[in-house]
Amino acid sequence: MKKMFIVLMSLLLLLAACSSAPTPAPAQPVQETDGVINSGSDAVVSGTTPGNSDKTTTTPTTHEVHIKSFKFVPSDITVSAGDTVVWINDDSAPHTATANNGEFNSDRLEQEDQFSFTFDKQGDFSYFCEFHGGMKGNVKVE
């Protein structure tokens, strides 16, 4: 019985030693070429484009403008080029989101209807509601 206990304890110790964390792989050398750091993997550094380290990239974002109480909320927003704005009609009355320069027009939005537009170029885009001329807003695209 004593021998069996010793054998069992030895096996448990051996298993515990084998289940410890694996030895990490040796580090790969870091190389720098034209300002781009390459660690030997295919990973891309966030915010850069492979082979063109001086340009940063951003992920397009979606912004919401709610139409409620006969107002655009918020009435003025700033977005980045490539971002999308979604207008959501939370009023019981119909509305539109119509650009002053004709760049976009939601047509008639009934309650809970939505309209989205992606702004690909920089500038100021003022807009209004065709049914309620006092409702105005502006999207500034940077």
Protein backbone atom coordinates (compact mmCIF):
# COMPACT_ATOMS: atom_id res chain seq x y z
CA MET A 1 0.00 0.00 0.00
CA LYS A 2 2.87 2.33 0.90
CA LYS A 3 4.57 1.63 -2.46
CA MET A 4 1.34 2.35 -4.32
CA PHE A 5 1.02 5.68 -2.49
CA ILE A 6 4.60 6.66 -3.41
CA VAL A 7 4.06 5.68 -7.06
CA LEU A 8 0.81 7.62 -7.16
CA MET A 9 2.43 10.74 -5.62
CA SER A 10 5.34 10.47 -8.08
CA LEU A 11 2.91 10.36 -11.01
CA LEU A 12 1.02 13.37 -9.68
CA LEU A 13 4.27 15.34 -9.36
CA LEU A 14 5.30 14.33 -12.86
CA LEU A 15 1.93 15.38 -14.27
CA ALA A 16 2.12 18.71 -12.45
CA ALA A 17 5.56 19.38 -13.92
CA CYS A 18 4.37 18.51 -17.43
CA SER A 19 1.30 20.73 -17.24
CA SER A 20 3.20 23.91 -16.41
CA ALA A 21 3.21 26.76 -18.92
CA PRO A 22 5.05 26.00 -22.16
CA THR A 23 8.36 27.64 -22.86
CA PRO A 24 7.82 30.71 -25.08
CA ALA A 25 9.20 30.63 -28.60
CA PRO A 26 12.35 32.65 -29.18
CA ALA A 27 11.67 36.25 -30.12
CA GLN A 28 11.94 37.15 -33.78
CA PRO A 29 14.35 39.92 -34.73
CA VAL A 30 12.83 43.35 -35.29
CA GLN A 31 13.66 45.00 -38.60
CA GLU A 32 12.97 48.57 -39.67
CA THR A 33 12.55 49.40 -43.34
CA ASP A 34 11.56 52.88 -44.55
CA GLY A 35 10.16 53.75 -41.11
CA VAL A 36 7.98 50.62 -40.96
CA ILE A 37 8.75 48.24 -38.12
CA ASN A 38 8.58 44.59 -39.09
CA SER A 39 8.74 41.99 -36.36
CA GLY A 40 8.75 39.14 -38.83
CA SER A 41 4.99 38.55 -38.58
CA ASP A 42 2.23 39.57 -40.96
CA ALA A 43 0.64 41.86 -38.36
CA VAL A 44 -0.28 45.37 -39.46
CA VAL A 45 0.25 48.23 -37.03
CA SER A 46 -3.11 49.86 -36.29
CA GLY A 47 -3.55 53.15 -38.11
CA THR A 48 -1.09 52.40 -40.91
CA THR A 49 -1.29 50.83 -44.30
CA PRO A 50 1.36 48.25 -45.24
CA GLY A 51 4.00 49.83 -47.44
CA ASN A 52 2.71 53.34 -46.77
CA SER A 53 3.47 54.28 -43.18
CA ASP A 54 2.80 58.02 -43.59
CA LYS A 55 -0.97 57.57 -44.11
CA THR A 56 -3.26 56.77 -41.22
CA THR A 57 -6.55 55.01 -41.73
CA THR A 58 -9.67 55.35 -39.65
CA THR A 59 -12.70 53.15 -39.41
CA PRO A 60 -15.82 54.89 -40.70
CA THR A 61 -18.34 55.73 -37.99
CA THR A 62 -22.13 56.00 -38.08
CA HIS A 63 -23.69 59.03 -36.38
CA GLU A 64 -27.38 59.46 -35.51
CA VAL A 65 -29.48 62.59 -35.81
CA HIS A 66 -32.91 62.22 -34.25
CA ILE A 67 -35.88 64.24 -35.48
CA LYS A 68 -38.07 65.06 -32.50
CA SER A 69 -40.20 67.98 -31.37
CA PHE A 70 -39.76 69.49 -34.84
CA LYS A 71 -35.95 69.73 -34.40
CA PHE A 72 -32.88 67.89 -35.64
CA VAL A 73 -31.03 66.61 -32.54
CA PRO A 74 -28.19 67.41 -32.64
CA SER A 75 -28.71 70.17 -35.18
CA ASP A 76 -24.98 70.59 -35.88
CA ILE A 77 -22.53 67.68 -35.95
CA THR A 78 -18.93 67.18 -37.05
CA VAL A 79 -17.93 63.91 -38.72
CA SER A 80 -14.95 62.55 -40.63
CA ALA A 81 -14.91 61.96 -44.38
CA GLY A 82 -16.24 58.46 -44.98
CA ASP A 83 -18.62 58.57 -41.99
CA THR A 84 -22.35 57.96 -42.33
CA VAL A 85 -25.13 60.02 -40.77
CA VAL A 86 -28.49 58.38 -40.08
CA TRP A 87 -31.55 60.57 -39.57
CA ILE A 88 -34.30 58.90 -37.52
CA ASN A 89 -37.80 60.39 -37.38
CA ASP A 90 -38.99 60.16 -33.78
CA ASP A 91 -41.91 62.57 -34.43
CA SER A 92 -45.44 61.63 -35.39
CA ALA A 93 -45.30 64.22 -38.21
CA PRO A 94 -43.48 63.50 -41.49
CA HIS A 95 -40.13 65.22 -42.11
CA THR A 96 -37.24 65.29 -44.58
CA ALA A 97 -33.51 65.82 -44.32
CA THR A 98 -32.74 67.78 -47.50
CA ALA A 99 -29.34 69.31 -48.27
CA ASN A 100 -29.39 72.99 -49.28
CA ASN A 101 -27.03 72.15 -52.16
CA GLY A 102 -29.01 69.07 -53.30
CA GLU A 103 -26.27 66.65 -52.21
CA PHE A 104 -28.79 64.45 -50.38
CA ASN A 105 -32.54 64.21 -49.84
CA SER A 106 -34.30 61.73 -47.60
CA ASP A 107 -37.69 62.17 -49.22
CA ARG A 108 -40.65 61.83 -46.84
CA LEU A 109 -39.78 60.18 -43.52
CA GLU A 110 -42.77 58.91 -41.56
CA GLN A 111 -42.53 58.14 -37.84
CA GLU A 112 -39.69 55.65 -37.15
CA ASP A 113 -38.41 55.90 -40.75
CA GLN A 114 -34.67 56.34 -41.24
CA PHE A 115 -32.44 57.82 -43.92
CA SER A 116 -28.67 57.49 -44.14
CA PHE A 117 -26.04 59.29 -46.18
CA THR A 118 -22.27 58.70 -46.33
CA PHE A 119 -20.18 61.87 -46.53
CA ASP A 120 -17.17 61.15 -48.74
CA LYS A 121 -15.84 64.68 -49.09
CA GLN A 122 -14.97 67.46 -46.68
CA GLY A 123 -17.09 70.56 -46.29
CA ASP A 124 -20.15 72.03 -44.60
CA PHE A 125 -23.48 70.53 -45.57
CA SER A 126 -26.46 72.56 -44.37
CA TYR A 127 -29.85 70.90 -44.57
CA PHE A 128 -33.51 71.51 -43.71
CA CYS A 129 -36.93 69.85 -43.58
CA GLU A 130 -38.96 70.47 -46.75
CA PHE A 131 -42.21 70.40 -44.75
CA HIS A 132 -41.04 72.63 -41.88
CA GLY A 133 -38.64 75.31 -43.15
CA GLY A 134 -37.63 76.36 -39.66
CA MET A 135 -36.01 72.97 -39.05
CA LYS A 136 -32.36 73.32 -39.98
CA GLY A 137 -29.13 71.48 -39.35
CA ASN A 138 -25.52 71.24 -40.51
CA VAL A 139 -23.04 68.43 -40.99
CA LYS A 140 -19.39 69.53 -40.95
CA VAL A 141 -17.15 66.94 -42.61
CA GLU A 142 -13.45 67.10 -41.74
